[in-house]
Each structure stands twice: as C-alpha cells, then as structure tokens.
Protein backbone atom coordinates (compact mmCIF):
# COMPACT_ATOMS: atom_id res chain seq x y z
CA UNK A 1 36.95 9.38 -3.01
CA UNK A 2 34.58 8.38 -5.92
CA UNK A 3 32.27 5.69 -6.82
CA UNK A 4 31.87 3.11 -2.95
CA UNK A 5 30.73 -0.15 -3.23
CA UNK A 6 28.68 -2.44 -1.51
CA UNK A 7 30.78 -2.61 2.01
CA UNK A 8 31.40 1.01 2.01
CA UNK A 9 27.54 1.87 1.37
CA UNK A 10 26.62 -0.14 4.13
CA UNK A 11 29.09 1.17 6.62
CA UNK A 12 28.55 4.36 6.12
CA UNK A 13 24.87 3.94 6.29
CA UNK A 14 25.29 2.62 9.66
CA UNK A 15 27.73 5.10 10.85
CA UNK A 16 24.99 7.90 10.57
CA UNK A 17 23.44 9.13 13.75
CA UNK A 18 20.14 9.96 12.36
CA UNK A 19 16.74 10.03 14.19
CA UNK A 20 13.98 7.37 12.09
CA UNK A 21 10.78 6.25 13.92
CA UNK A 22 9.54 2.72 13.13
CA UNK A 23 6.46 2.95 15.13
CA UNK A 24 7.68 3.45 19.38
CA UNK A 25 11.30 2.49 18.25
CA UNK A 26 14.13 5.13 17.84
CA UNK A 27 16.67 3.96 15.09
CA UNK A 28 19.83 5.86 15.82
CA UNK A 29 22.89 3.74 14.38
CA UNK A 30 23.04 0.67 12.73
CA UNK A 31 20.21 1.10 10.50
CA UNK A 32 21.26 -1.73 7.89
CA UNK A 33 20.75 -4.27 10.33
CA UNK A 34 17.42 -3.09 11.09
CA UNK A 35 14.37 -5.84 9.79
CA UNK A 36 12.82 -3.18 8.16
CA UNK A 37 15.60 -1.98 6.50
CA UNK A 38 17.54 -4.91 5.87
CA UNK A 39 16.78 -6.02 3.03
CA UNK A 40 16.72 -3.11 0.76
CA UNK A 41 20.24 -1.74 2.27
CA UNK A 42 21.51 -5.54 1.00
CA UNK A 43 20.05 -4.65 -2.31
CA UNK A 44 21.63 -1.42 -2.35
CA UNK A 45 25.01 -2.71 -1.49
CA UNK A 46 24.77 -4.94 -4.40
CA UNK A 47 24.26 -2.30 -6.80
CA UNK A 48 26.89 -0.75 -5.68
CA UNK A 49 29.06 -3.36 -6.17
CA UNK A 50 28.31 -3.57 -9.80
CA UNK A 51 30.13 0.04 -9.82
CA UNK A 52 32.95 -1.52 -9.17
CA UNK A 53 32.81 -4.88 -11.72
CA UNK A 54 35.58 -4.76 -13.64
CA UNK A 55 33.70 -5.66 -16.15
CA UNK A 56 31.42 -3.08 -15.71
CA UNK A 57 32.99 -0.18 -14.60
CA UNK A 58 33.28 1.44 -17.86
CA UNK A 59 29.38 1.10 -18.07
CA UNK A 60 28.53 2.27 -14.93
CA UNK A 61 31.00 5.15 -14.10
CA UNK A 62 33.34 7.90 -16.22
CA UNK A 63 36.25 10.13 -14.70
CA UNK A 64 35.32 12.65 -12.53
CA UNK A 65 36.23 16.12 -14.58
CA UNK A 66 37.54 17.37 -10.73
CA UNK A 67 39.18 14.71 -9.25
CA UNK A 68 40.04 12.54 -11.70
CA UNK A 69 38.18 9.67 -9.44
CA UNK A 70 35.56 6.91 -10.50
CA UNK A 71 31.92 8.35 -10.28
CA UNK A 72 28.89 7.35 -11.38
CA UNK A 73 27.26 7.31 -14.81
CA UNK A 74 24.30 8.80 -13.27
CA UNK A 75 26.14 11.93 -12.61
CA UNK A 76 27.27 12.33 -16.16
CA UNK A 77 26.07 15.99 -17.69
CA UNK A 78 25.34 14.84 -21.66
CA UNK A 79 26.44 16.73 -24.16
CA UNK A 80 26.12 14.12 -27.29
CA UNK A 81 23.86 11.27 -27.95
CA UNK A 82 26.61 8.92 -27.11
CA UNK A 83 26.53 10.43 -23.34
CA UNK A 84 22.76 9.79 -23.19
CA UNK A 85 23.21 6.45 -24.44
CA UNK A 86 25.76 5.91 -21.81
CA UNK A 87 23.49 6.87 -19.21
CA UNK A 88 20.84 4.95 -19.84
CA UNK A 89 22.81 1.86 -20.24
CA UNK A 90 24.13 2.40 -16.53
CA UNK A 91 20.47 2.95 -15.71
CA UNK A 92 19.15 0.01 -17.48
CA UNK A 93 21.76 -2.07 -15.44
CA UNK A 94 20.41 -0.91 -11.91
CA UNK A 95 17.00 -1.34 -12.68
CA UNK A 96 16.96 -4.92 -14.09
CA UNK A 97 18.76 -5.97 -10.87
CA UNK A 98 15.33 -4.78 -9.15
CA UNK A 99 13.36 -5.55 -11.85
CA UNK A 100 12.35 -1.68 -11.69
CA UNK A 101 10.61 -2.58 -8.32
CA UNK A 102 13.18 0.07 -6.54
CA UNK A 103 11.77 4.08 -7.40
CA UNK A 104 14.72 5.85 -5.89
CA UNK A 105 17.74 4.07 -6.43
CA UNK A 106 20.55 6.71 -6.69
CA UNK A 107 20.23 7.47 -10.33
CA UNK A 108 16.63 9.14 -10.05
CA UNK A 109 17.69 12.10 -7.80
CA UNK A 110 21.32 12.08 -9.41
CA UNK A 111 19.46 12.80 -12.68
CA UNK A 112 17.81 15.86 -11.24
CA UNK A 113 21.09 17.05 -9.84
CA UNK A 114 22.89 16.45 -13.43
CA UNK A 115 19.73 19.13 -14.84
CA UNK A 116 19.79 21.40 -11.84
CA UNK A 117 23.51 22.14 -11.40
CA UNK A 118 23.81 22.96 -15.23
CA UNK A 119 20.74 25.44 -14.86
CA UNK A 120 22.59 26.73 -12.10
CA UNK A 121 22.31 30.53 -13.12
CA UNK A 122 18.39 29.87 -12.88
CA UNK A 123 18.62 30.13 -9.07
CA UNK A 124 20.83 33.28 -8.82
CA UNK A 125 21.21 34.93 -5.92
CA UNK A 126 19.88 37.35 -3.63
CA UNK A 127 23.11 39.58 -2.92
CA UNK A 128 24.17 37.70 0.36
CA UNK A 129 23.80 34.34 -0.62
CA UNK A 130 25.12 32.53 -4.32
CA UNK A 131 22.12 29.81 -4.52
CA UNK A 132 23.92 29.07 -8.16
CA UNK A 133 27.20 28.25 -6.61
CA UNK A 134 25.55 26.20 -4.02
CA UNK A 135 23.60 24.19 -6.18
CA UNK A 136 27.06 23.63 -8.75
CA UNK A 137 29.23 22.67 -5.01
CA UNK A 138 26.30 20.48 -4.06
CA UNK A 139 26.24 18.52 -7.57
CA UNK A 140 29.78 18.44 -7.20
CA UNK A 141 30.06 16.59 -3.58
CA UNK A 142 27.34 14.44 -4.29
CA UNK A 143 28.92 13.41 -6.92
CA UNK A 144 32.13 12.87 -5.60
CA UNK A 145 31.25 10.95 -2.75
CA UNK A 146 28.55 8.99 -4.20
CA UNK A 147 25.80 9.95 -1.84
CA UNK A 148 22.65 8.40 -2.17
CA UNK A 149 19.66 10.78 -1.79
CA UNK A 150 15.65 10.85 -0.75
CA UNK A 151 13.86 13.44 -0.91
CA UNK A 152 10.39 14.82 -0.09
CA UNK A 153 8.03 17.48 -2.04
CA UNK A 154 4.60 17.91 -0.68
CA UNK A 155 3.07 19.28 2.40
CA UNK A 156 0.91 16.92 4.79
CA UNK A 157 -2.69 16.11 3.66
CA UNK A 158 -4.28 18.08 6.49
CA UNK A 159 -7.06 20.06 4.44
CA UNK A 160 -6.57 19.94 0.51
CA UNK A 161 -9.06 22.00 -0.22
CA UNK A 162 -7.25 25.09 1.12
CA UNK A 163 -5.53 26.64 -1.73
CA UNK A 164 -1.55 27.15 0.37
CA UNK A 165 -0.11 26.07 3.13
CA UNK A 166 -0.59 29.40 4.64
CA UNK A 167 -4.03 28.62 5.32
CA UNK A 168 -3.95 25.88 7.50
CA UNK A 169 -4.92 26.85 11.04
CA UNK A 170 -1.40 25.76 12.62
CA UNK A 171 1.28 27.83 10.19
CA UNK A 172 4.13 25.16 11.56
CA UNK A 173 2.17 22.45 9.58
CA UNK A 174 3.98 22.26 6.80
CA UNK A 175 7.51 22.74 6.83
CA UNK A 176 8.51 26.90 6.42
CA UNK A 177 11.08 29.16 7.71
CA UNK A 178 10.93 29.87 11.38
CA UNK A 179 13.72 32.59 11.33
CA UNK A 180 17.03 33.13 8.98
CA UNK A 181 20.27 34.80 10.54
CA UNK A 182 23.80 35.40 8.89
CA UNK A 183 24.66 31.79 9.07
CA UNK A 184 21.50 30.30 7.81
CA UNK A 185 17.83 28.98 8.42
CA UNK A 186 15.42 27.56 10.77
CA UNK A 187 12.86 25.30 9.55
CA UNK A 188 9.79 24.09 11.50
CA UNK A 189 6.90 22.02 9.90
CA UNK A 190 7.08 18.55 8.34
CA UNK A 191 7.12 17.11 4.34
CA UNK A 192 6.03 13.98 3.11
CA UNK A 193 6.49 11.30 0.85
CA UNK A 194 10.26 10.41 1.56
CA UNK A 195 10.59 7.18 -0.13
CA UNK A 196 13.81 5.53 1.11
CA UNK A 197 15.03 7.36 3.99
CA UNK A 198 17.44 4.72 3.95
CA UNK A 199 19.86 7.56 2.50
CA UNK A 200 23.18 9.93 3.32
CA UNK A 201 21.30 13.40 2.27
CA UNK A 202 17.76 14.76 1.86
CA UNK A 203 16.89 16.66 -0.99
CA UNK A 204 13.55 19.36 0.12
CA UNK A 205 11.99 20.97 -3.31
CA UNK A 206 8.72 22.05 -3.81
CA UNK A 207 6.56 19.93 -6.11
CA UNK A 208 2.75 21.42 -6.17
CA UNK A 209 2.31 24.95 -7.19
CA UNK A 210 2.10 27.42 -4.76
CA UNK A 211 -0.91 29.41 -5.52
CA UNK A 212 -1.14 32.04 -3.11
CA UNK A 213 1.20 34.35 -3.46
CA UNK A 214 3.50 36.02 -0.90
CA UNK A 215 1.59 34.24 1.77
CA UNK A 216 3.59 31.51 0.93
CA UNK A 217 6.91 32.78 0.59
CA UNK A 218 8.13 31.25 4.05
CA UNK A 219 7.32 27.54 2.75
CA UNK A 220 8.92 28.69 -1.19
CA UNK A 221 12.45 26.68 -0.11
CA UNK A 222 14.73 24.18 -1.74
CA UNK A 223 17.69 23.10 0.51
CA UNK A 224 19.93 19.76 1.09
CA UNK A 225 20.61 18.16 4.28
CA UNK A 226 22.61 15.39 5.79
CA UNK A 227 19.94 12.87 7.36
CA UNK A 228 22.05 12.89 10.38
CA UNK A 229 20.85 16.94 11.01
CA UNK A 230 19.69 17.24 14.56
CA UNK A 231 16.20 18.00 14.60
CA UNK A 232 15.52 16.44 11.62
CA UNK A 233 13.01 13.01 12.37
CA UNK A 234 12.08 10.42 9.85
CA UNK A 235 8.45 8.93 10.84
CA UNK A 236 7.91 5.60 8.79
CA UNK A 237 4.79 3.56 7.73
CA UNK A 238 4.60 0.06 8.50
CA UNK A 239 7.13 -2.04 6.85
CA UNK A 240 6.48 -4.77 4.61
CA UNK A 241 9.78 -6.37 4.27
CA UNK A 242 9.44 -10.03 5.81
CA UNK A 243 12.16 -12.01 6.85
CA UNK A 244 11.53 -15.19 4.65
CA UNK A 245 11.98 -14.40 1.06
CA UNK A 246 10.79 -17.63 0.36
CA UNK A 247 7.24 -16.55 1.47
CA UNK A 248 7.95 -12.34 -0.08
CA UNK A 249 10.97 -12.96 -2.80
CA UNK A 250 10.12 -8.98 -3.60
CA UNK A 251 9.13 -7.65 -0.10
CA UNK A 252 12.30 -8.86 1.56
CA UNK A 253 14.44 -7.24 -0.78
CA UNK A 254 12.93 -4.25 -2.68
CA UNK A 255 10.98 -2.32 0.28
CA UNK A 256 12.05 1.19 0.23
CA UNK A 257 9.73 2.43 3.00
CA UNK A 258 8.19 5.54 2.88
CA UNK A 259 8.25 8.30 5.52
CA UNK A 260 6.98 11.76 6.69
CA UNK A 261 10.04 13.91 7.52
CA UNK A 262 9.75 16.36 10.81
CA UNK A 263 11.81 19.57 11.22
CA UNK A 264 11.95 20.56 14.73
CA UNK A 265 13.73 23.92 14.70
CA UNK A 266 16.39 22.34 12.52
CA UNK A 267 19.18 24.58 10.96
CA UNK A 268 20.31 24.73 7.35
CA UNK A 269 23.06 26.59 6.48
CA UNK A 270 23.11 29.15 3.79
CA UNK A 271 25.20 27.20 1.53
CA UNK A 272 22.63 24.51 1.77
CA UNK A 273 19.69 26.84 0.61
CA UNK A 274 19.21 26.81 -3.17
CA UNK A 275 15.76 28.35 -3.92
CA UNK A 276 14.44 30.84 -0.44
CA UNK A 277 11.10 32.33 -0.07
CA UNK A 278 10.45 32.36 -4.07
CA UNK A 279 7.06 31.49 -4.58
CA UNK A 280 7.48 32.24 -8.58
CA UNK A 281 10.93 30.29 -8.81
CA UNK A 282 9.32 26.98 -6.97
CA UNK A 283 6.53 26.97 -9.30
CA UNK A 284 8.99 27.25 -12.52
CA UNK A 285 12.34 25.06 -11.31
CA UNK A 286 11.61 21.85 -12.91
CA UNK A 287 10.41 22.50 -16.22
CA UNK A 288 12.76 25.72 -16.21
CA UNK A 289 15.63 23.62 -15.61
CA UNK A 290 14.48 20.28 -17.55
CA UNK A 291 15.18 18.95 -14.19
CA UNK A 292 11.81 17.07 -14.74
CA UNK A 293 13.15 15.90 -17.73
CA UNK A 294 16.16 13.90 -16.93
CA UNK A 295 13.59 12.35 -13.52
CA UNK A 296 11.47 11.29 -16.34
CA UNK A 297 14.14 9.73 -18.51
CA UNK A 298 15.40 7.91 -15.64
CA UNK A 299 11.80 6.85 -14.70
CA UNK A 300 10.80 5.79 -18.30
CA UNK A 301 14.20 3.26 -18.23
CA UNK A 302 12.97 1.96 -14.67
CA UNK A 303 9.26 1.38 -16.09
CA UNK A 304 10.94 -0.82 -18.88
CA UNK A 305 12.36 -3.21 -16.52
CA UNK A 306 9.39 -3.35 -14.68
CA UNK A 307 7.04 -4.17 -18.02
CA UNK A 308 10.20 -6.42 -18.71
CA UNK A 309 9.92 -8.34 -16.05
CA UNK A 310 5.85 -8.65 -16.04
CA UNK A 311 6.35 -10.48 -19.40
CA UNK A 312 9.08 -12.60 -18.09
CA UNK A 313 6.57 -13.59 -14.90
CA UNK A 314 3.29 -13.92 -16.70
CA UNK A 315 4.28 -16.09 -19.98
CA UNK A 316 6.44 -18.34 -16.65
CA UNK A 317 3.28 -18.23 -14.98
CA UNK A 318 0.91 -19.28 -18.11
CA UNK A 319 3.33 -22.05 -19.06
CA UNK A 320 3.87 -23.45 -16.19
CA UNK A 321 0.31 -24.35 -15.47
CA UNK A 322 -0.61 -24.95 -18.93
CA UNK A 323 -2.74 -21.93 -20.33
CA UNK A 324 -0.17 -20.51 -22.47
CA UNK A 325 -2.15 -22.19 -25.64
CA UNK A 326 -5.31 -20.41 -24.73
CA UNK A 327 -5.93 -17.11 -27.14
CA UNK A 328 -7.49 -15.13 -24.69
CA UNK A 329 -4.58 -15.67 -22.52
CA UNK A 330 -1.92 -14.97 -25.73
CA UNK A 331 -3.55 -11.67 -26.17
CA UNK A 332 -3.57 -10.99 -22.39
CA UNK A 333 0.37 -11.37 -22.56
CA UNK A 334 0.58 -9.73 -25.68
CA UNK A 335 -1.06 -6.19 -24.67
CA UNK A 336 1.92 -6.45 -21.99
CA UNK A 337 4.45 -6.54 -24.70
CA UNK A 338 2.59 -4.05 -27.01
CA UNK A 339 3.23 -1.67 -23.05
CA UNK A 340 6.71 -2.87 -23.25
CA UNK A 341 7.98 -1.95 -26.80
CA UNK A 342 5.54 1.35 -26.06
CA UNK A 343 7.53 2.76 -23.76
CA UNK A 344 10.78 1.16 -25.09
CA UNK A 345 9.63 3.28 -28.43
CA UNK A 346 9.00 6.13 -26.47
CA UNK A 347 12.86 5.87 -24.76
CA UNK A 348 14.35 5.23 -28.37
CA UNK A 349 12.39 8.64 -29.86
CA UNK A 350 13.32 10.57 -26.75
CA UNK A 351 17.07 10.10 -27.21
CA UNK A 352 16.80 10.13 -31.00
CA UNK A 353 14.94 13.59 -30.78
CA UNK A 354 17.17 14.89 -27.85
CA UNK A 355 17.59 18.44 -28.43
CA UNK A 356 20.76 20.89 -26.56
CA UNK A 357 19.16 22.99 -23.81
CA UNK A 358 19.66 26.44 -23.05
CA UNK A 359 21.89 25.32 -20.22
CA UNK A 360 24.30 23.44 -22.32
CA UNK A 361 23.21 19.75 -21.76
CA UNK A 362 21.67 17.35 -24.54
CA UNK A 363 18.29 16.57 -23.38
CA UNK A 364 16.02 13.97 -24.16
CA UNK A 365 13.04 15.45 -26.14
CA UNK A 366 10.36 16.07 -23.68
CA UNK A 367 7.41 15.60 -25.93
CA UNK A 368 8.01 12.05 -25.59
CA UNK A 369 9.02 11.57 -22.09
CA UNK A 370 5.90 13.63 -21.05
CA UNK A 371 3.56 11.52 -22.97
CA UNK A 372 5.26 8.64 -21.11
CA UNK A 373 4.94 9.94 -17.83
CA UNK A 374 1.17 10.55 -18.66
CA UNK A 375 0.50 7.51 -19.63
CA UNK A 376 2.16 5.05 -17.17
CA UNK A 377 0.17 5.64 -14.54
CA UNK A 378 -2.99 5.01 -16.72
CA UNK A 379 -1.71 1.25 -17.99
CA UNK A 380 0.85 0.28 -14.95
CA UNK A 381 -2.24 -1.33 -13.16
CA UNK A 382 -2.57 -3.46 -16.68
CA UNK A 383 0.50 -5.25 -14.90
CA UNK A 384 -0.99 -6.19 -11.90
CA UNK A 385 -4.23 -6.90 -13.86
CA UNK A 386 -2.70 -9.80 -16.04
CA UNK A 387 -1.10 -11.83 -13.60
CA UNK A 388 -3.84 -11.68 -11.22
CA UNK A 389 -5.98 -12.94 -14.00
CA UNK A 390 -3.31 -15.88 -15.38
CA UNK A 391 -2.49 -16.77 -11.70
CA UNK A 392 -6.40 -16.50 -10.66
CA UNK A 393 -7.40 -18.56 -7.17
CA UNK A 394 -3.80 -19.92 -7.30
CA UNK A 395 -2.96 -16.91 -5.90
CA UNK A 396 -4.81 -17.34 -2.65
CA UNK A 397 -3.57 -21.14 -2.40
CA UNK A 398 0.35 -21.09 -1.51
CA UNK A 399 0.99 -22.34 1.98
CA UNK A 400 4.30 -20.73 4.16
CA UNK A 401 7.50 -22.16 4.03
CA UNK A 402 7.34 -24.02 6.93
CA UNK A 403 4.69 -26.56 5.66
CA UNK A 404 7.94 -27.55 3.19
CA UNK A 405 9.21 -28.98 6.27
CA UNK A 406 6.34 -30.67 7.83
CA UNK A 407 4.45 -34.03 7.50
CA UNK A 408 2.49 -32.91 5.20
CA UNK A 409 5.53 -32.73 2.71
CA UNK A 410 4.13 -35.37 0.28
CA UNK A 411 0.51 -34.14 0.34
CA UNK A 412 2.28 -30.79 -1.01
CA UNK A 413 4.30 -32.58 -3.25
CA UNK A 414 1.23 -34.36 -4.87
CA UNK A 415 -1.60 -31.63 -4.80
CA UNK A 416 0.67 -28.70 -5.72
CA UNK A 417 2.44 -29.63 -8.72
CA UNK A 418 1.85 -28.16 -12.04
CA UNK A 419 2.44 -29.27 -15.69
CA UNK A 420 6.06 -27.90 -16.14
CA UNK A 421 7.05 -27.62 -12.08
CA UNK A 422 7.39 -29.40 -8.84
CA UNK A 423 5.39 -28.46 -6.33
CA UNK A 424 7.96 -26.41 -4.57
CA UNK A 425 8.69 -24.44 -7.72
CA UNK A 426 5.26 -23.79 -8.37
CA UNK A 427 4.90 -22.52 -4.79
CA UNK A 428 7.70 -20.37 -5.32
CA UNK A 429 6.62 -19.31 -8.45
CA UNK A 430 3.29 -17.85 -7.20
CA UNK A 431 4.68 -16.74 -4.33
CA UNK A 432 6.63 -14.21 -6.66
CA UNK A 433 3.35 -13.30 -8.21
CA UNK A 434 1.29 -13.16 -5.36
CA UNK A 435 4.07 -10.48 -3.83
CA UNK A 436 3.70 -8.23 -7.22
CA UNK A 437 -0.12 -8.07 -6.92
CA UNK A 438 -1.43 -8.99 -4.21
CA UNK A 439 0.70 -8.35 -0.77
CA UNK A 440 0.74 -5.30 0.88
CA UNK A 441 4.27 -4.55 -1.08
CA UNK A 442 2.31 -5.67 -4.23
CA UNK A 443 -0.49 -3.06 -3.52
CA UNK A 444 1.96 -0.13 -2.39
CA UNK A 445 3.70 -0.58 -5.76
CA UNK A 446 0.44 -0.01 -7.51
CA UNK A 447 -0.40 3.16 -5.48
CA UNK A 448 3.22 3.92 -5.85
CA UNK A 449 3.19 4.18 -9.93
CA UNK A 450 -0.01 5.51 -10.10
CA UNK A 451 0.93 8.67 -8.12
CA UNK A 452 4.57 8.17 -9.30
CA UNK A 453 4.64 12.07 -10.89
CA UNK A 454 2.12 13.73 -8.33
CA UNK A 455 -1.91 13.68 -8.90
CA UNK A 456 -2.69 12.26 -13.09
CA UNK A 457 -5.27 14.96 -13.78
CA UNK A 458 -3.27 17.56 -12.55
CA UNK A 459 -0.04 16.07 -14.89
CA UNK A 460 -2.45 15.79 -17.85
CA UNK A 461 -3.63 19.02 -17.62
CA UNK A 462 -0.57 20.63 -17.45
CA UNK A 463 0.28 18.59 -20.32
CA UNK A 464 -2.40 19.44 -22.66
CA UNK A 465 -1.88 22.81 -22.04
CA UNK A 466 1.85 22.34 -22.20
CA UNK A 467 1.30 20.76 -25.92
CA UNK A 468 2.11 23.35 -28.31
CA UNK A 469 0.90 21.16 -31.33
CA UNK A 470 -2.63 21.07 -30.78
CA UNK A 471 -3.27 24.60 -33.15
CA UNK A 472 -1.31 22.97 -35.43
CA UNK A 473 -3.73 20.11 -35.53
CA UNK A 474 -6.51 22.00 -35.19
CA UNK A 475 -5.99 24.32 -38.21
CA UNK A 476 -5.66 21.40 -40.19
CA UNK A 477 -9.47 20.85 -39.07
CA UNK A 478 -10.38 24.35 -39.91
CA UNK A 479 -9.25 24.39 -43.35
CA UNK A 480 -10.94 20.71 -44.17
CA UNK A 481 -13.87 22.25 -42.80
CA UNK A 482 -13.32 25.58 -45.09
CA UNK A 483 -13.38 23.55 -47.98
CA UNK A 484 -16.05 22.18 -47.35
CA UNK A 485 -18.97 24.17 -49.44
C-alpha cells in the first residue's frame, strides 16, 4: 500500500473499533471527530499529506525494497552517511511542522523498528517461536502499511519501593502472562504511559530494569497489537485540546493525549511476540539492538525544532513589546540560541562520527546522543523560564477571544496594543506564549520533556557507568600527579 495521505489516515483511524475511555464516555469509532482527538488528528493528517507532496516526495519517502511502493523515509535502514542525512531531513520537516511539540509522531517508533528489525537475531527463538522472524516481518508490515504506533513501557505506580512487579499485592496489577498455548499468550494487567492512543498499533516493550530475576519472568515481555484488539482498553487523562484555536493555539492542535493501557485477558498470537518471559533479554534489548540510539536520534531532531521555535517566540515577544534593546533580555535570548546550537552540534557530531553497528546499520555515535539525552531534561526548562521572564505579568493579562466581538473592543484596541503590534496581534502572540509555558498543555510539555527518556537521575547513572573514557581522563590526572615531587 505504501505511504498514506491525510484523508486515508483519518478514515482508517475512524474505522477501527477501539475502546478508549474518556471520563465515563467510551469512544469506539470516529475517534478523529471526538473533541479530545480532533485537533491532533488533523495535525497528523497534515504530516501524512507532506509525504505525498510532489515537491517533497523524494525527501519524505523512498522506494520499498520489497513492494516497490513509496514508503516513509523514517523506515530507511541506514547503510551510508547519505542515508542518515536523508532520515534527518525527513524527520526535521515533520518536527518543524509541529514546532517539536509532538513527541510521538510516527518517525519516533519507526526509528526503533529500524534498529530492532536489523538486530532481529538478538531476539532468537525458543524452539517453537521464531522471535527474530517475528520482528522482521512486523517491521515490514508497519513500513508497507505506513502504520502509526504508540507504545507503553512502564508498570502502574502502585508501590515504587518494591523491587519488581511480582512483589505487588496483586500479581495482575502490572501486565503479565496469564497463560500460554499453541496459538499465543493471554495478557492481564496494566501498563503506562501510552502517549498518542490515536494510533493503529501499540508496542509493548520493557523500559525499566527487572531486578528480581525469574520472579518477574511473566512480566518480561515484548509484543505488538492492533489497538482494536478485544480486551485492550485505554484510559485517558483530561484533554487539554480546547476548541478555540485563538485562545489555545498550541493545545488545540498538538495535544497528543496520554493513557494507561489495560489488558483484560488480551490474546496475543505468537507471531506478534518478540520477547517472552526473558528478564535478561528485556534488560539488554535497547542497547544491544541500538534501538535507543535511533530513538534518541529522532528525539534530538525534534528537540532542535522545539528550541528553534522558542528562539523565534522569545525574539518576537521581546521585539513586539520593545524590550529587545536591554542587555539582560539579549542575554536570555542568547542563552536560548546557545542551547539550540549546542543541540544541533550534538546532532552533527553524532552523524559525522557514525559507525556501523554489529547488525549492519550505520549508527549515529552514541556518545553524543547519550550526552544530548542527558543534557535535555536539565536544560529544557530554560525554554519555558525565558518565555515566562520576558512575558511577565503580560502573560496573565490576556482576555478570551469573545471580548474581541463585544462592546469592549475599543478599550481592547487602546490598552492591549504594543510597540510593534495592534491589540489583536499582541493578544494572539501572548496567547501563544501562555499556551507554551502556563496552560495545562504547557505544564504537560514541561513534565513530558523532563521524563522523556525516564528518570534523569537513573539515565545519568547509566551514562556514568557506560562512559568508558573516564579511565583515560583519570589516568592523565594520575600521570600528572606522579610527576610532582
């Protein structure tokens, strides 16, 4: 079938009989017409349309090696630096379209599948089930049908003091195997956090380390399912997607939604299983397959787009209200520029130093990508802070859209004007800034970026233990000390 356009995407989403719970409402069909999903569905449809733009088709797609159809460039398994550059160009176009505010566009998990399929031999087999062949076929299936994936990684936060899900008071709180037979396995329990339940399929992979050995084997799984699988239920958070584009210019378009996933005795056929009751393999797969590297590569491209958006927003805000002349304002925006160019340098360096991994993929240098993904949660808050500082109390003095068509309009025109903007344009600009830093949508963005790759302390600890050049640098110091008499 090859790449799909926006119309086909919306139709296929609406025709799936899924079970999504929003409050006491069960959404089955026509999900893209529901107020909680309509805005982001339209945004995603525009992304899919970009794939079919005649002027962009060679950037956004390539010819499938199996079907001869055009497929998304995000599925390209890179063998050369030109291949890496092609992937980056495609991902940047999508990221720019959403200002980097969509964390789960299709290219994110497509990037993971690129690595997982190349490393298929890692998954092996258990004698009866060929997990390696399963992941290869799944990658091709998703690629050829241009499917959109969500995923869920972690167990419900019931008691985080315990050492593993098997120690919870109820063994079926965290999703686990109930039984297995010749056809497949039955899963019961829950997982969080599935961002963008508006999807075709859900990937269930482990992200946290399983520490209690074989007691956690029933929880040590990796598999994929269509979102309309019987017994699969999504419980959504409150939507931030307001109807008013004027009052909520970002939330109305880019609220991805997040959900807890419930598996109510869900059947998973063996051909959709990739890891089965293997804690050791679950703990190793991300690094061993380079999946985390390709996901970090996509995330870095998105983060650069977000940084660029904030530099533009901060500069426009400062110029509009006439504070751009002040040194401390220039310093704040300069910090945003430094952050933007630092993240871009990580990307350039990772691609310039790319090496072939043992599975035959040219892989961006993991040192730079690990550094970037550790730096990001520590500096992303700076994006919000500078906008808050520049907008100050003006961010709270912005009336709703309805007043623009009231008898108060003359007062609005007089008192809300700015140095370089009339009242309406100034209000629109400040609405945009508030939606980024102060609204529920903005708060979710801030939290989301902080925990994007997990607990920053744990990720930093992993980086510390992984970084092999510490010994080299330590020895330099030791050698210098040895020379001191």
